[in-house]
């Protein structure tokens, strides 16, 4: 089963990184449900601005950790580069 690493942009302009098996479902949870992350609950609405596929939970978690250590500028560069490829 594939996992996805994703980045959300919050209402306040901050960025949130997470992993999931189902991106649309998780985005809905972040925006409407109590199962969304505590961080995003007070920063709604959030929008999906980046996602990448990972082969399993382990690689997704490692990539999430790597991205979370990026500076904001480096995260925005990753997002921009991904949009140029699409």
Protein backbone atom coordinates (compact mmCIF):
# COMPACT_ATOMS: atom_id res chain seq x y z
CA UNK A 1 0.00 0.00 0.00
CA UNK A 2 1.38 3.40 -0.99
CA UNK A 3 1.85 6.22 1.45
CA UNK A 4 2.07 9.90 0.63
CA UNK A 5 4.07 12.70 2.17
CA UNK A 6 2.19 15.97 1.91
CA UNK A 7 2.57 19.65 2.74
CA UNK A 8 -0.37 21.86 3.63
CA UNK A 9 -0.50 25.63 3.65
CA UNK A 10 -2.47 26.91 6.62
CA UNK A 11 -4.67 30.01 6.77
CA UNK A 12 -1.88 31.89 8.57
CA UNK A 13 0.62 31.02 5.81
CA UNK A 14 2.49 28.41 7.85
CA UNK A 15 3.33 25.01 6.38
CA UNK A 16 2.43 21.61 7.84
CA UNK A 17 3.99 18.32 6.72
CA UNK A 18 2.45 14.89 7.26
CA UNK A 19 1.96 11.39 5.86
CA UNK A 20 -1.15 9.43 4.91
CA UNK A 21 -2.48 6.62 2.76
CA UNK A 22 -5.42 8.73 1.52
CA UNK A 23 -4.64 12.37 0.75
CA UNK A 24 -8.22 13.64 0.05
CA UNK A 25 -9.55 11.97 3.20
CA UNK A 26 -6.72 13.37 5.33
CA UNK A 27 -7.16 16.86 3.88
CA UNK A 28 -10.85 16.71 4.80
CA UNK A 29 -9.92 15.60 8.32
CA UNK A 30 -7.51 18.53 8.68
CA UNK A 31 -10.21 20.96 7.58
CA UNK A 32 -13.35 19.61 9.23
CA UNK A 33 -12.80 16.89 11.80
CA UNK A 34 -11.29 16.51 15.26
CA UNK A 35 -8.98 13.83 13.83
CA UNK A 36 -6.94 16.50 12.07
CA UNK A 37 -3.65 17.55 13.64
CA UNK A 38 -3.82 19.87 16.63
CA UNK A 39 -1.56 22.28 14.73
CA UNK A 40 -3.97 22.65 11.81
CA UNK A 41 -7.17 22.84 13.87
CA UNK A 42 -6.51 26.45 14.82
CA UNK A 43 -5.16 27.35 11.38
CA UNK A 44 -8.08 26.29 9.18
CA UNK A 45 -8.73 26.24 6.34
CA UNK A 46 -5.69 24.42 5.00
CA UNK A 47 -4.92 23.60 1.39
CA UNK A 48 -2.79 20.90 -0.15
CA UNK A 49 0.23 22.39 -1.92
CA UNK A 50 2.53 19.37 -2.28
CA UNK A 51 2.46 15.59 -2.22
CA UNK A 52 4.85 12.82 -3.11
CA UNK A 53 4.44 9.06 -3.23
CA UNK A 54 6.36 6.69 -0.94
CA UNK A 55 6.45 2.93 -1.24
CA UNK A 56 5.70 2.24 2.44
CA UNK A 57 5.15 3.83 5.85
CA UNK A 58 8.81 3.61 6.80
CA UNK A 59 10.09 5.54 3.78
CA UNK A 60 7.24 8.05 4.11
CA UNK A 61 8.07 8.67 7.78
CA UNK A 62 11.75 9.15 7.00
CA UNK A 63 10.94 11.58 4.20
CA UNK A 64 8.47 13.46 6.41
CA UNK A 65 11.17 13.84 9.05
CA UNK A 66 13.63 15.06 6.42
CA UNK A 67 11.19 17.65 5.06
CA UNK A 68 10.23 18.85 8.55
CA UNK A 69 13.88 19.76 9.11
CA UNK A 70 13.94 21.90 5.94
CA UNK A 71 13.79 25.66 6.27
CA UNK A 72 10.65 27.35 4.99
CA UNK A 73 12.60 28.57 1.95
CA UNK A 74 13.78 25.04 1.15
CA UNK A 75 10.22 23.68 1.51
CA UNK A 76 8.91 26.33 -0.87
CA UNK A 77 11.69 25.49 -3.33
CA UNK A 78 10.70 21.80 -3.17
CA UNK A 79 7.08 22.76 -3.88
CA UNK A 80 8.06 25.04 -6.76
CA UNK A 81 10.31 22.40 -8.35
CA UNK A 82 7.56 19.78 -8.10
CA UNK A 83 5.08 22.09 -9.83
CA UNK A 84 7.52 22.61 -12.71
CA UNK A 85 7.69 18.85 -13.26
CA UNK A 86 3.91 18.36 -13.40
